[in-house]
Amino acid sequence: KLDDTTKAKIDNAADQDLSNLTPDGKKQVKDLAAWNVVANNGTAEKVLGGDTVKYINGDNIVITQSGKDFTFATKPDVTFNTVTANDTITAPKVKA
């Protein structure tokens, strides 16, 4: 005969496909799937399961997505307030 503690564990076990999870159980699974995201030396932000992280173009930067792959590149035509070159500039068409 099963004792009450063992019976409760069996009765409350999740199905293999997790189809019988309660809302609290689903939340716990999502929380366990969390990860952190941080830019440079900023503060890490927790990303919970089901959350979306959004990458946004910046000045002179273009971000493209193909499925789960992201490409970060400079735009073909860029604008800077100031550019400093240390010793030599070698370019056939530098406009100043």
Protein backbone atom coordinates (compact mmCIF):
# COMPACT_ATOMS: atom_id res chain seq x y z
CA LYS A 1 0.00 0.00 0.00
CA LEU A 2 1.23 3.50 -0.90
CA ASP A 3 1.60 6.02 1.87
CA ASP A 4 -0.12 9.41 1.44
CA THR A 5 3.10 11.27 0.59
CA THR A 6 4.05 8.88 -2.22
CA LYS A 7 0.47 8.81 -3.55
CA ALA A 8 0.39 12.63 -3.63
CA LYS A 9 3.64 12.71 -5.63
CA ILE A 10 2.23 10.24 -8.16
CA ASP A 11 -1.13 12.03 -8.38
CA ASN A 12 0.57 15.40 -8.94
CA ALA A 13 3.17 14.19 -11.45
CA ALA A 14 3.26 15.94 -14.81
CA ASP A 15 2.44 14.00 -17.96
CA GLN A 16 5.46 13.46 -20.21
CA ASP A 17 4.12 16.07 -22.64
CA LEU A 18 3.35 18.43 -19.70
CA SER A 19 -0.25 18.73 -20.90
CA ASN A 20 -1.62 18.52 -17.37
CA LEU A 21 0.38 21.39 -15.87
CA THR A 22 -1.55 23.94 -13.86
CA PRO A 23 -1.12 27.66 -14.60
CA ASP A 24 1.29 27.84 -11.63
CA GLY A 25 3.25 24.89 -13.03
CA LYS A 26 3.46 26.53 -16.46
CA LYS A 27 4.72 29.76 -14.85
CA GLN A 28 7.38 27.83 -12.95
CA VAL A 29 8.60 26.14 -16.14
CA LYS A 30 8.79 29.53 -17.90
CA ASP A 31 10.68 31.04 -14.97
CA LEU A 32 13.18 28.17 -15.06
CA ALA A 33 13.83 28.95 -18.73
CA ALA A 34 14.96 32.51 -17.87
CA TRP A 35 18.27 34.00 -18.99
CA ASN A 36 19.95 37.39 -18.66
CA VAL A 37 20.70 39.96 -21.33
CA VAL A 38 23.09 42.89 -20.93
CA ALA A 39 24.75 45.45 -23.21
CA ASN A 40 28.36 46.40 -22.49
CA ASN A 41 28.69 47.20 -18.76
CA GLY A 42 24.98 47.85 -18.19
CA THR A 43 22.68 46.17 -15.74
CA ALA A 44 21.62 42.62 -16.59
CA GLU A 45 17.92 42.23 -17.32
CA LYS A 46 16.18 38.90 -16.79
CA VAL A 47 14.41 37.53 -19.86
CA LEU A 48 11.71 35.06 -18.84
CA GLY A 49 10.54 32.19 -21.01
CA GLY A 50 8.10 33.58 -23.56
CA ASP A 51 9.52 37.13 -23.38
CA THR A 52 10.83 38.83 -26.52
CA VAL A 53 14.16 40.65 -26.83
CA LYS A 54 14.11 43.34 -29.52
CA TYR A 55 17.23 44.48 -31.41
CA ILE A 56 16.92 48.04 -32.75
CA ASN A 57 18.97 49.77 -35.47
CA GLY A 58 21.24 52.53 -34.16
CA ASP A 59 23.08 55.40 -35.84
CA ASN A 60 24.93 53.93 -38.81
CA ILE A 61 24.05 50.36 -37.75
CA VAL A 62 21.57 48.11 -39.52
CA ILE A 63 20.35 44.82 -38.06
CA THR A 64 18.81 42.13 -40.26
CA GLN A 65 17.23 38.83 -39.30
CA SER A 66 16.96 35.55 -41.15
CA GLY A 67 15.13 33.09 -38.94
CA LYS A 68 17.13 32.81 -35.71
CA ASP A 69 20.25 34.42 -37.22
CA PHE A 70 20.98 38.14 -36.82
CA THR A 71 23.49 40.21 -38.76
CA PHE A 72 24.82 43.51 -37.40
CA ALA A 73 26.53 45.75 -39.96
CA THR A 74 27.28 49.35 -40.73
CA LYS A 75 24.87 51.01 -43.12
CA PRO A 76 26.16 51.52 -46.68
CA ASP A 77 26.05 55.31 -46.25
CA VAL A 78 27.14 56.55 -42.82
CA THR A 79 27.35 59.95 -41.15
CA PHE A 80 29.75 60.87 -38.35
CA ASN A 81 30.20 64.13 -36.48
CA THR A 82 33.98 63.60 -36.20
CA VAL A 83 36.45 61.05 -37.54
CA THR A 84 40.03 60.93 -36.28
CA ALA A 85 42.77 59.08 -38.15
CA ASN A 86 46.13 58.70 -36.43
CA ASP A 87 48.81 58.61 -39.16
CA THR A 88 47.73 57.81 -42.69
CA ILE A 89 44.52 57.76 -44.66
CA THR A 90 44.68 55.70 -47.82
CA ALA A 91 41.54 55.98 -49.90
CA PRO A 92 41.00 56.85 -53.55
CA LYS A 93 37.88 58.96 -53.01
CA VAL A 94 38.08 60.73 -49.65
CA LYS A 95 35.88 63.83 -49.58
CA ALA A 96 36.75 66.45 -46.99
